[in-house]
Amino acid sequence: MNVVASGPTDPSEPSGTRPEVRVVAGALRGSREGGVAVFRGVPFAEPPVGALRFAAPRPVRGWDGVRRAVSYGPPPPQGGHFGMDALARDAAGDDWLTVNVWTPEPGPAARLPVMVWIHGGAYTIGMSGLPEYDGGHLAREGGVVVVTFNYRVGFEGFGQIEGAPANRGLLDQIAALEWVRENIRAFGGDPDRVTLFGQSAGAGSVAALLAMPRAAGLFGRAVAQSAQGTFFSPGLAADIAASCAAGLGLRPTAADLSTVDPARLSAAGDAVGATMARRAGRWGPAAHASVPFSPVVDDDALPVTPWQALADGAGRDVALLVGHTRDEQRLLTALAGLLGQVTREQAATALRLFAPGRDGASRYLGGFPDAGPDELYELVRSDWLFRMPTLHLAHARTAGGGRAHVYELTWHAPGMGGVLGACHGLDVPLVFGNLDRGQPAALIGEEPSPEARELSARMRAAWTAFATYGDPGWPAYDPGQRLVQVFDTQPAVTAYPEETSRLIWRDHAFPVLPLIDQ
């Protein structure tokens, strides 16, 4: 997979007929693909290298002439999962901070709704040039402008470094949204109708942006798909960063690390992530879940957790669409080689570590009396990392006087032998309509079935309707009735299906993950 190759521009198309737009920094020439104008690799900030390494993003300088915008920009440095580090090494250049735009109708008169995607990847990997994030289907069929972008991940974006701002990855996201506000009219988009949507760490980022004062007013609606619920205290983030730097014989300071090759720094983060369980007594659940990087809740950019911010009324006019898959953990269990192999001891440990409160483990055992070790292990880890953080965003939004719509994806994925159910990431190909492209598309099967295509069409219609009208097609979530949309072969609006888990987590506040004082 070559994520920096040019898009499929028709070589017979005369250059004069290729779409051109002018943004604040200069003129762009893109391509036409399936009736949609596409512009790739457009810089929204200066490359964060050299003197700008570990700095907040700086506005991009302008250029003369017409810039070709037919290739994805190089991805930021990546962790080693799924070979993403090799993809980053193979890409030439350090212009990591770029956006891509798909539009059915370029030009300032169109005033179309805009959907801005934040990719996931555990805050450690991810890039906008992956084929599963191609916005052509959404733009063409939904009548919206789709924007994707790169942001710094891993140590570059989320390592807690002395002498550098925290949450640089989130600051990159804000810079991309500011670029959208200033430039999207040229592509046919309406800057007053921007919907932010993301999955996993991307959804956790959406939640964080809802709580960040600097992001206020940059988007009017938000979609959080399987929001990763990990947020670090400054102490925990600094301690993990110190371990990463120590692996290189350095201190966690901008002065020490600014000249280190980004690939070496990513590898140091991988090494700490792979051995986090050894420091569980100090790093707590983050160590057991092998999560080395997450947004840091401090007194500046991100002052409180998203759940507290929403409950306090932050951005109450921003409507939310939130949801998760039924079997979030199953893919992660399979990747760990534990699918069907979880022992009673491992299940008991997971319940002790991740269930809320002193009686959380016993409540799981009482609430799911027929569950074996595999199911208990999957349930509590799904709930801790994705399902309950996502549901609680809806509860916090309604408590703060706002509106939320909730869904659950329960469709059983047929790919990979059908063992993964409705697992984490299954929603990505369904929402984008890319059923035969990229790694998540493998969950759909080699030849997408008619029911997969129908389900994808329903989800795309709901997402674009929400972006266009603020209504995905089912009632807003009410903490009393708790009606949600279930996406399956036969869709239905019903009471929230995971009621037992909801009750177990009902009073949990989702605090920041602390550094444990020993």
Protein backbone atom coordinates (compact mmCIF):
# COMPACT_ATOMS: atom_id res chain seq x y z
CA MET A 1 0.00 0.00 0.00
CA ASN A 2 1.49 3.32 -1.05
CA VAL A 3 -0.16 6.11 0.87
CA VAL A 4 1.77 8.86 -0.88
CA ALA A 5 1.00 7.92 -4.47
CA SER A 6 -0.95 10.33 -6.63
CA GLY A 7 -4.69 9.91 -6.80
CA PRO A 8 -6.20 8.22 -9.84
CA THR A 9 -6.16 11.29 -12.10
CA ASP A 10 -7.18 10.56 -15.67
CA PRO A 11 -3.98 11.20 -17.70
CA SER A 12 -6.09 12.00 -20.77
CA GLU A 13 -7.80 14.86 -18.95
CA PRO A 14 -6.38 18.19 -20.12
CA SER A 15 -4.74 20.12 -17.31
CA GLY A 16 -6.98 23.07 -18.09
CA THR A 17 -10.08 21.06 -17.16
CA ARG A 18 -8.73 19.86 -13.83
CA PRO A 19 -10.35 21.62 -10.88
CA GLU A 20 -8.57 24.66 -9.53
CA VAL A 21 -9.29 26.67 -6.40
CA ARG A 22 -7.56 29.51 -4.61
CA VAL A 23 -7.03 29.29 -0.85
CA VAL A 24 -5.44 31.88 1.41
CA ALA A 25 -1.93 30.51 0.80
CA GLY A 26 -2.21 30.22 -2.99
CA ALA A 27 -3.75 28.41 -5.95
CA LEU A 28 -4.33 24.63 -6.08
CA ARG A 29 -4.95 22.21 -8.92
CA GLY A 30 -6.55 18.88 -8.03
CA SER A 31 -8.12 15.99 -9.93
CA ARG A 32 -11.57 14.67 -10.82
CA GLU A 33 -12.49 11.18 -9.67
CA GLY A 34 -15.94 9.71 -10.17
CA GLY A 35 -17.60 13.08 -10.55
CA VAL A 36 -15.95 14.55 -7.44
CA ALA A 37 -13.17 17.14 -7.31
CA VAL A 38 -10.31 15.98 -5.08
CA PHE A 39 -7.42 17.98 -3.63
CA ARG A 40 -4.76 16.07 -1.71
CA GLY A 41 -1.74 17.01 0.36
CA VAL A 42 -2.62 20.67 0.96
CA PRO A 43 -0.50 22.07 3.83
CA PHE A 44 -2.43 23.66 6.67
CA ALA A 45 0.63 24.42 8.84
CA GLU A 46 4.38 24.67 8.51
CA PRO A 47 6.29 21.38 8.84
CA PRO A 48 6.89 20.81 12.59
CA VAL A 49 10.58 20.06 12.19
CA GLY A 50 13.84 21.85 12.84
CA ALA A 51 13.21 24.95 14.94
CA LEU A 52 9.48 24.08 15.01
CA ARG A 53 9.98 20.54 16.38
CA PHE A 54 7.57 19.95 19.29
CA ALA A 55 6.12 23.45 18.82
CA ALA A 56 2.49 24.37 18.41
CA PRO A 57 1.55 24.43 14.70
CA ARG A 58 2.41 27.60 12.80
CA PRO A 59 0.37 29.01 9.89
CA VAL A 60 1.59 27.81 6.51
CA ARG A 61 3.43 30.26 4.29
CA GLY A 62 2.03 31.06 0.87
CA TRP A 63 3.34 29.92 -2.51
CA ASP A 64 3.54 31.35 -6.01
CA GLY A 65 1.94 29.80 -9.06
CA VAL A 66 -0.42 26.80 -8.99
CA ARG A 67 0.41 23.98 -6.57
CA ARG A 68 -0.42 20.42 -7.68
CA ALA A 69 -2.67 18.79 -5.11
CA VAL A 70 -2.99 15.22 -6.38
CA SER A 71 -0.85 13.28 -3.86
CA TYR A 72 -1.29 12.67 -0.16
CA GLY A 73 1.23 14.42 2.02
CA PRO A 74 3.81 12.35 3.89
CA PRO A 75 2.47 10.91 7.14
CA PRO A 76 3.86 11.95 10.51
CA PRO A 77 6.26 9.56 12.30
CA GLN A 78 4.45 6.38 13.26
CA GLY A 79 4.58 3.60 15.81
CA GLY A 80 5.40 0.15 14.53
CA HIS A 81 1.93 -1.41 14.68
CA PHE A 82 0.67 -2.93 11.41
CA GLY A 83 3.82 -1.79 9.62
CA MET A 84 2.85 1.88 9.84
CA ASP A 85 6.40 2.91 10.73
CA ALA A 86 7.62 1.49 7.42
CA LEU A 87 4.96 3.45 5.53
CA ALA A 88 6.15 6.64 7.20
CA ARG A 89 9.80 5.90 6.42
CA ASP A 90 9.00 5.22 2.77
CA ALA A 91 7.28 8.59 2.35
CA ALA A 92 9.58 11.41 1.33
CA GLY A 93 9.38 14.79 3.01
CA ASP A 94 8.52 16.30 6.35
CA ASP A 95 5.38 18.22 5.35
CA TRP A 96 3.36 16.13 7.78
CA LEU A 97 0.50 18.56 8.39
CA THR A 98 -1.71 18.44 5.31
CA VAL A 99 -5.41 18.20 4.48
CA ASN A 100 -7.32 16.43 1.72
CA VAL A 101 -10.66 17.61 0.33
CA TRP A 102 -13.40 15.85 -1.69
CA THR A 103 -16.12 18.11 -3.05
CA PRO A 104 -19.00 17.55 -5.49
CA GLU A 105 -19.19 21.24 -6.35
CA PRO A 106 -16.12 23.46 -5.87
CA GLY A 107 -16.68 27.18 -5.73
CA PRO A 108 -17.91 29.63 -3.08
CA ALA A 109 -21.53 29.60 -4.25
CA ALA A 110 -22.28 25.98 -3.30
CA ARG A 111 -22.33 26.42 0.53
CA LEU A 112 -22.42 22.64 1.16
CA PRO A 113 -22.21 20.98 4.59
CA VAL A 114 -18.67 20.04 5.58
CA MET A 115 -17.58 16.81 7.31
CA VAL A 116 -14.10 16.83 8.85
CA TRP A 117 -12.67 13.40 9.74
CA ILE A 118 -10.18 12.66 12.55
CA HIS A 119 -8.58 9.23 12.12
CA GLY A 120 -7.92 6.86 14.99
CA GLY A 121 -4.90 4.77 15.92
CA ALA A 122 -4.57 4.82 19.73
CA TYR A 123 -2.87 8.25 19.48
CA THR A 124 0.18 6.30 18.30
CA ILE A 125 -0.39 5.55 14.61
CA GLY A 126 -2.62 6.81 11.82
CA MET A 127 -2.55 8.85 8.64
CA SER A 128 -5.16 10.42 6.40
CA GLY A 129 -3.82 8.76 3.24
CA LEU A 130 -5.07 5.27 4.06
CA PRO A 131 -7.51 4.00 1.40
CA GLU A 132 -10.29 3.36 3.93
CA TYR A 133 -10.54 7.13 4.51
CA ASP A 134 -11.20 8.07 0.89
CA GLY A 135 -14.07 10.57 1.04
CA GLY A 136 -15.42 10.05 -2.48
CA HIS A 137 -18.53 8.04 -1.57
CA LEU A 138 -19.61 10.42 1.18
CA ALA A 139 -19.04 13.53 -0.95
CA ARG A 140 -20.70 12.19 -4.09
CA GLU A 141 -23.71 10.47 -2.54
CA GLY A 142 -24.22 12.70 0.48
CA GLY A 143 -23.74 16.09 -1.15
CA VAL A 144 -21.14 17.14 1.41
CA VAL A 145 -17.56 18.36 1.37
CA VAL A 146 -15.28 15.84 3.10
CA VAL A 147 -11.99 16.83 4.71
CA THR A 148 -9.35 14.50 6.17
CA PHE A 149 -5.97 15.50 7.59
CA ASN A 150 -2.79 14.38 9.31
CA TYR A 151 -1.89 15.29 12.86
CA ARG A 152 1.12 14.40 14.98
CA VAL A 153 0.77 11.11 16.85
CA GLY A 154 2.88 9.20 19.36
CA PHE A 155 5.68 11.06 21.09
CA GLU A 156 5.70 13.83 18.47
CA GLY A 157 2.05 14.66 19.18
CA PHE A 158 1.33 13.54 22.73
CA GLY A 159 4.59 13.01 24.61
CA GLN A 160 4.80 15.25 27.68
CA ILE A 161 8.00 17.21 27.01
CA GLU A 162 9.50 19.92 29.18
CA GLY A 163 9.74 23.12 27.16
CA ALA A 164 7.00 22.13 24.69
CA PRO A 165 3.22 22.56 24.77
CA ALA A 166 1.15 19.55 25.77
CA ASN A 167 -1.36 17.94 23.39
CA ARG A 168 0.42 19.00 20.21
CA GLY A 169 -1.66 16.49 18.26
CA LEU A 170 -4.84 18.21 19.43
CA LEU A 171 -3.35 21.61 18.60
CA ASP A 172 -2.71 20.29 15.08
CA GLN A 173 -6.38 19.32 14.87
CA ILE A 174 -7.44 22.82 15.89
CA ALA A 175 -5.10 24.27 13.25
CA ALA A 176 -6.73 22.03 10.62
CA LEU A 177 -10.18 23.24 11.71
CA GLU A 178 -8.99 26.84 11.53
CA TRP A 179 -7.78 26.13 7.99
CA VAL A 180 -11.25 24.78 7.16
CA ARG A 181 -12.89 27.91 8.55
CA GLU A 182 -10.65 30.16 6.46
CA ASN A 183 -10.56 28.19 3.20
CA ILE A 184 -13.45 25.76 2.79
CA ARG A 185 -15.65 28.22 0.86
CA ALA A 186 -13.29 27.87 -2.10
CA PHE A 187 -14.12 24.13 -2.22
CA GLY A 188 -17.88 24.67 -2.03
CA GLY A 189 -18.16 24.22 1.72
CA ASP A 190 -20.02 26.29 4.28
CA PRO A 191 -17.76 27.21 7.23
CA ASP A 192 -20.87 27.69 9.36
CA ARG A 193 -21.96 24.05 8.82
CA VAL A 194 -18.94 22.00 9.88
CA THR A 195 -19.41 18.55 11.41
CA LEU A 196 -16.45 16.91 13.12
CA PHE A 197 -16.40 13.09 13.06
CA GLY A 198 -13.88 10.53 14.21
CA GLN A 199 -13.40 6.97 15.41
CA SER A 200 -11.46 5.43 18.33
CA ALA A 201 -8.65 7.86 19.23
CA GLY A 202 -10.20 10.12 16.59
CA ALA A 203 -13.46 10.06 18.55
CA GLY A 204 -11.52 10.65 21.76
CA SER A 205 -10.06 13.67 19.99
CA VAL A 206 -13.55 14.84 19.05
CA ALA A 207 -14.50 14.59 22.73
CA ALA A 208 -11.37 16.51 23.74
CA LEU A 209 -12.06 19.28 21.22
CA LEU A 210 -15.53 19.70 22.68
CA ALA A 211 -13.81 20.51 25.99
CA MET A 212 -11.08 22.79 24.60
CA PRO A 213 -11.85 26.52 24.74
CA ARG A 214 -9.61 27.15 21.70
CA ALA A 215 -11.80 24.87 19.56
CA ALA A 216 -15.05 26.66 20.42
CA GLY A 217 -16.91 27.83 17.34
CA LEU A 218 -14.88 25.80 14.85
CA PHE A 219 -17.58 23.14 14.36
CA GLY A 220 -21.32 23.00 14.94
CA ARG A 221 -21.94 19.24 15.16
CA ALA A 222 -19.84 16.30 16.27
CA VAL A 223 -19.79 12.52 15.78
CA ALA A 224 -17.86 10.24 18.16
CA GLN A 225 -17.58 6.62 17.00
CA SER A 226 -16.22 4.28 19.70
CA ALA A 227 -14.51 7.06 21.66
CA GLN A 228 -11.30 5.97 23.36
CA GLY A 229 -11.79 6.97 26.98
CA THR A 230 -8.19 7.38 28.16
CA PHE A 231 -7.10 10.83 29.34
CA PHE A 232 -3.85 11.27 31.28
CA SER A 233 -2.84 13.45 34.18
CA PRO A 234 0.29 15.55 33.56
CA GLY A 235 2.17 13.43 36.08
CA LEU A 236 1.38 10.15 34.35
CA ALA A 237 2.16 11.54 30.90
CA ALA A 238 5.46 13.02 32.11
CA ASP A 239 6.53 9.76 33.76
CA ILE A 240 5.86 7.76 30.59
CA ALA A 241 7.70 10.37 28.51
CA ALA A 242 10.67 10.18 30.88
CA SER A 243 10.83 6.41 30.34
CA CYS A 244 10.76 6.88 26.56
CA ALA A 245 13.56 9.45 26.71
CA ALA A 246 15.58 7.33 29.13
CA GLY A 247 15.60 4.54 26.57
CA LEU A 248 17.64 6.91 24.40
CA GLY A 249 19.83 8.06 27.27
CA LEU A 250 18.19 11.49 27.29
CA ARG A 251 15.94 13.69 29.38
CA PRO A 252 12.32 14.38 28.34
CA THR A 253 13.07 17.96 27.31
CA ALA A 254 12.69 19.75 24.02
CA ALA A 255 16.39 20.65 24.16
CA ASP A 256 17.47 17.00 24.45
CA LEU A 257 14.99 15.49 22.02
CA SER A 258 14.67 18.06 19.24
CA THR A 259 17.59 16.63 17.26
CA VAL A 260 16.66 12.96 17.71
CA ASP A 261 15.56 11.26 14.50
CA PRO A 262 11.75 10.96 14.63
CA ALA A 263 11.91 7.26 13.76
CA ARG A 264 14.16 6.59 16.78
CA LEU A 265 11.77 8.49 19.03
CA SER A 266 8.81 6.48 17.71
CA ALA A 267 10.74 3.25 18.32
CA ALA A 268 11.46 4.35 21.89
CA GLY A 269 7.74 4.88 22.42
CA ASP A 270 7.04 1.42 21.01
CA ALA A 271 9.57 -0.13 23.38
CA VAL A 272 7.91 1.46 26.41
CA GLY A 273 4.43 0.54 25.15
CA ALA A 274 5.47 -3.10 24.78
CA THR A 275 6.70 -3.32 28.38
CA MET A 276 4.17 -1.12 30.16
CA ALA A 277 2.72 -3.99 32.20
CA ARG A 278 5.98 -4.07 34.18
CA ARG A 279 5.17 -0.60 35.49
CA ALA A 280 1.53 -1.28 36.30
CA GLY A 281 2.09 -0.43 39.94
CA ARG A 282 3.01 3.09 38.88
CA TRP A 283 0.98 3.60 35.71
CA GLY A 284 -2.18 1.68 36.60
CA PRO A 285 -4.81 0.75 33.99
CA ALA A 286 -2.94 2.55 31.20
CA ALA A 287 -0.10 0.07 31.66
CA HIS A 288 -2.39 -2.96 31.64
CA ALA A 289 -4.04 -1.69 28.45
CA SER A 290 -0.65 -0.80 26.86
CA VAL A 291 -1.68 2.80 26.17
CA PRO A 292 1.47 4.96 26.24
CA PHE A 293 -0.02 8.15 24.80
CA SER A 294 -3.30 9.98 25.32
CA PRO A 295 -4.51 13.57 25.62
CA VAL A 296 -3.30 15.28 28.79
CA VAL A 297 -5.77 17.13 30.97
CA ASP A 298 -3.96 20.21 32.28
CA ASP A 299 -4.77 23.81 33.11
CA ASP A 300 -4.21 25.25 29.66
CA ALA A 301 -5.36 23.71 26.38
CA LEU A 302 -7.54 20.96 27.87
CA PRO A 303 -8.60 22.11 31.35
CA VAL A 304 -11.05 19.30 32.25
CA THR A 305 -12.16 15.92 30.94
CA PRO A 306 -14.77 15.89 28.16
CA TRP A 307 -17.40 14.36 30.44
CA GLN A 308 -17.01 17.13 33.01
CA ALA A 309 -16.91 19.83 30.33
CA LEU A 310 -20.08 18.59 28.62
CA ALA A 311 -21.94 18.14 31.91
CA ASP A 312 -20.98 21.71 32.80
CA GLY A 313 -22.56 22.90 29.54
CA ALA A 314 -19.52 23.43 27.32
CA GLY A 315 -20.62 23.83 23.71
CA ARG A 316 -24.19 22.79 24.52
CA ASP A 317 -25.31 24.05 21.10
CA VAL A 318 -23.10 21.43 19.39
CA ALA A 319 -25.35 18.45 18.68
CA LEU A 320 -23.75 15.03 19.19
CA LEU A 321 -24.05 11.71 17.40
CA VAL A 322 -22.28 9.04 19.46
CA GLY A 323 -22.15 5.26 19.44
CA HIS A 324 -20.07 2.13 19.55
CA THR A 325 -19.92 -1.42 18.24
CA ARG A 326 -21.22 -4.31 20.31
CA ASP A 327 -18.00 -6.35 20.41
CA GLU A 328 -15.38 -3.61 20.69
CA GLN A 329 -12.69 -5.68 22.39
CA ARG A 330 -12.83 -8.80 20.23
CA LEU A 331 -10.47 -7.60 17.52
CA LEU A 332 -7.94 -6.50 20.14
CA THR A 333 -8.21 -9.88 21.86
CA ALA A 334 -7.59 -11.62 18.55
CA LEU A 335 -4.55 -9.44 17.83
CA ALA A 336 -3.19 -10.43 21.26
CA GLY A 337 -3.62 -14.13 20.41
CA LEU A 338 -6.14 -14.65 23.21
CA LEU A 339 -9.35 -15.21 21.24
CA GLY A 340 -10.98 -18.29 22.79
CA GLN A 341 -7.98 -18.70 25.12
CA VAL A 342 -8.78 -16.43 28.07
CA THR A 343 -8.37 -18.21 31.39
CA ARG A 344 -10.44 -17.68 34.53
CA GLU A 345 -7.44 -15.99 36.12
CA GLN A 346 -7.07 -13.59 33.22
CA ALA A 347 -10.77 -12.74 33.31
CA ALA A 348 -10.63 -12.17 37.07
CA THR A 349 -7.62 -9.90 36.65
CA ALA A 350 -9.38 -7.87 33.94
CA LEU A 351 -12.42 -7.44 36.18
CA ARG A 352 -10.25 -6.34 39.10
CA LEU A 353 -8.31 -3.84 37.01
CA PHE A 354 -10.99 -2.31 34.80
CA ALA A 355 -14.40 -2.69 36.48
CA PRO A 356 -15.52 0.50 38.26
CA GLY A 357 -15.57 0.86 42.02
CA ARG A 358 -14.79 -1.62 44.73
CA ASP A 359 -17.70 -3.88 43.83
CA GLY A 360 -17.39 -3.61 40.03
CA ALA A 361 -16.05 -7.13 39.57
CA SER A 362 -18.83 -8.70 41.61
CA ARG A 363 -21.42 -6.66 39.73
CA TYR A 364 -20.16 -8.05 36.43
CA LEU A 365 -20.30 -11.58 37.80
CA GLY A 366 -23.82 -10.99 39.09
CA GLY A 367 -25.00 -9.16 35.99
CA PHE A 368 -23.66 -11.78 33.57
CA PRO A 369 -24.06 -15.06 35.51
CA ASP A 370 -23.75 -17.27 32.44
CA ALA A 371 -20.69 -15.56 30.98
CA GLY A 372 -17.47 -17.51 30.69
CA PRO A 373 -13.93 -16.09 30.98
CA ASP A 374 -13.78 -14.95 27.35
CA GLU A 375 -17.03 -13.03 27.54
CA LEU A 376 -16.27 -11.40 30.89
CA TYR A 377 -12.81 -10.36 29.69
CA GLU A 378 -14.29 -8.90 26.53
CA LEU A 379 -17.16 -7.15 28.26
CA VAL A 380 -15.19 -5.29 30.91
CA ARG A 381 -12.43 -4.22 28.55
CA SER A 382 -14.94 -3.12 25.88
CA ASP A 383 -16.81 -1.11 28.49
CA TRP A 384 -13.73 0.49 30.05
CA LEU A 385 -12.00 1.59 26.86
CA PHE A 386 -14.82 2.36 24.40
CA ARG A 387 -18.46 1.55 25.16
CA MET A 388 -19.10 3.33 28.44
CA PRO A 389 -16.93 6.39 27.73
CA THR A 390 -18.94 6.84 24.53
CA LEU A 391 -22.33 6.38 26.19
CA HIS A 392 -21.38 8.76 28.99
CA LEU A 393 -20.68 11.48 26.43
CA ALA A 394 -24.40 11.36 25.60
CA HIS A 395 -25.35 11.45 29.28
CA ALA A 396 -22.99 14.37 29.91
CA ARG A 397 -24.32 16.27 26.90
CA THR A 398 -27.95 15.90 28.00
CA ALA A 399 -27.03 16.77 31.60
CA GLY A 400 -25.43 19.97 30.31
CA GLY A 401 -28.55 20.98 28.41
CA GLY A 402 -27.58 19.77 24.95
CA ARG A 403 -28.80 17.14 22.49
CA ALA A 404 -27.32 13.76 21.60
CA HIS A 405 -28.28 10.84 19.37
CA VAL A 406 -26.95 7.36 20.22
CA TYR A 407 -26.43 4.23 18.11
CA GLU A 408 -24.94 0.76 18.45
CA LEU A 409 -23.56 -1.31 15.57
CA THR A 410 -24.46 -4.97 16.15
CA TRP A 411 -24.05 -6.38 12.62
CA HIS A 412 -21.92 -9.52 12.67
CA ALA A 413 -18.99 -9.00 10.31
CA PRO A 414 -18.60 -11.94 7.91
CA GLY A 415 -14.91 -11.38 7.15
CA MET A 416 -11.98 -13.26 8.71
CA GLY A 417 -14.09 -16.33 9.30
CA GLY A 418 -16.83 -14.40 11.08
CA VAL A 419 -15.15 -14.72 14.49
CA LEU A 420 -14.90 -11.01 15.25
CA GLY A 421 -18.58 -10.09 15.44
CA ALA A 422 -19.33 -6.36 15.54
CA CYS A 423 -15.77 -5.49 16.48
CA HIS A 424 -13.83 -2.28 16.89
CA GLY A 425 -13.28 -0.55 13.54
CA LEU A 426 -16.14 -2.24 11.69
CA ASP A 427 -17.95 1.09 11.44
CA VAL A 428 -15.16 2.76 9.43
CA PRO A 429 -15.70 1.03 6.05
CA LEU A 430 -19.47 1.17 6.56
CA VAL A 431 -19.51 4.93 7.20
CA PHE A 432 -17.12 5.78 4.37
CA GLY A 433 -18.60 3.23 1.96
CA ASN A 434 -15.15 1.81 1.18
CA LEU A 435 -16.12 -1.83 1.60
CA ASP A 436 -13.27 -3.25 -0.45
CA ARG A 437 -10.38 -0.96 0.48
CA GLY A 438 -7.97 -0.83 3.39
CA GLN A 439 -7.46 -2.97 6.46
CA PRO A 440 -10.91 -2.52 8.09
CA ALA A 441 -12.55 -3.58 4.82
CA ALA A 442 -11.19 -7.09 5.43
CA LEU A 443 -13.89 -7.42 8.08
CA ILE A 444 -16.56 -7.11 5.39
CA GLY A 445 -15.32 -10.06 3.32
CA GLU A 446 -13.67 -10.32 -0.08
CA GLU A 447 -16.91 -9.60 -1.94
CA PRO A 448 -19.25 -7.28 0.00
CA SER A 449 -22.71 -8.80 0.32
CA PRO A 450 -25.92 -6.96 -0.55
CA GLU A 451 -26.71 -6.64 3.16
CA ALA A 452 -23.29 -5.04 3.78
CA ARG A 453 -23.93 -2.54 0.98
CA GLU A 454 -27.40 -1.76 2.31
CA LEU A 455 -26.12 -1.28 5.85
CA SER A 456 -23.34 0.99 4.61
CA ALA A 457 -25.82 3.05 2.63
CA ARG A 458 -28.03 3.48 5.72
CA MET A 459 -25.13 4.57 7.89
CA ARG A 460 -23.80 6.99 5.28
CA ALA A 461 -27.27 8.47 4.88
CA ALA A 462 -27.60 8.92 8.65
CA TRP A 463 -24.17 10.57 8.99
CA THR A 464 -24.69 12.96 6.08
CA ALA A 465 -28.24 13.79 7.23
CA PHE A 466 -26.86 14.66 10.64
CA ALA A 467 -24.22 16.87 9.03
CA THR A 468 -26.81 18.54 6.80
CA TYR A 469 -29.83 18.87 9.07
CA GLY A 470 -28.66 17.95 12.58
CA ASP A 471 -30.93 14.90 12.65
CA PRO A 472 -29.66 11.38 11.80
CA GLY A 473 -33.18 9.97 11.57
CA TRP A 474 -34.00 8.69 15.06
CA PRO A 475 -35.01 10.36 18.34
CA ALA A 476 -32.59 12.24 20.52
CA TYR A 477 -31.28 10.30 23.51
CA ASP A 478 -33.23 10.73 26.71
CA PRO A 479 -31.73 9.38 29.97
CA GLY A 480 -35.16 8.06 30.94
CA GLN A 481 -36.24 6.21 27.78
CA ARG A 482 -32.68 5.68 26.43
CA LEU A 483 -33.78 5.07 22.82
CA VAL A 484 -30.95 4.30 20.41
CA GLN A 485 -30.58 3.27 16.78
CA VAL A 486 -29.32 -0.29 16.38
CA PHE A 487 -27.57 -0.84 13.05
CA ASP A 488 -27.91 -4.45 11.88
CA THR A 489 -29.38 -6.41 8.99
CA GLN A 490 -32.76 -5.25 10.28
CA PRO A 491 -32.26 -1.79 11.83
CA ALA A 492 -34.39 -0.83 14.81
CA VAL A 493 -34.86 1.95 17.32
CA THR A 494 -34.95 0.36 20.74
CA ALA A 495 -33.91 0.81 24.35
CA TYR A 496 -30.13 0.83 24.80
CA PRO A 497 -29.14 -2.86 24.49
CA GLU A 498 -26.23 -2.87 26.95
CA GLU A 499 -28.37 -2.10 29.99
CA THR A 500 -26.44 -4.29 32.43
CA SER A 501 -23.18 -2.56 31.61
CA ARG A 502 -24.86 0.84 31.76
CA LEU A 503 -26.05 0.19 35.29
CA ILE A 504 -22.64 -1.05 36.43
CA TRP A 505 -21.00 2.13 35.12
CA ARG A 506 -23.85 4.53 35.90
CA ASP A 507 -22.05 6.45 38.65
CA HIS A 508 -18.54 6.34 37.21
CA ALA A 509 -17.04 9.79 36.55
CA PHE A 510 -14.24 8.81 34.12
CA PRO A 511 -11.48 10.76 35.88
CA VAL A 512 -8.04 11.34 34.41
CA LEU A 513 -5.69 8.38 34.74
CA PRO A 514 -3.19 9.29 37.47
CA LEU A 515 0.42 8.51 38.25
CA ILE A 516 0.21 6.18 41.23
CA ASP A 517 2.25 7.41 44.19
CA GLN A 518 4.09 4.45 45.64
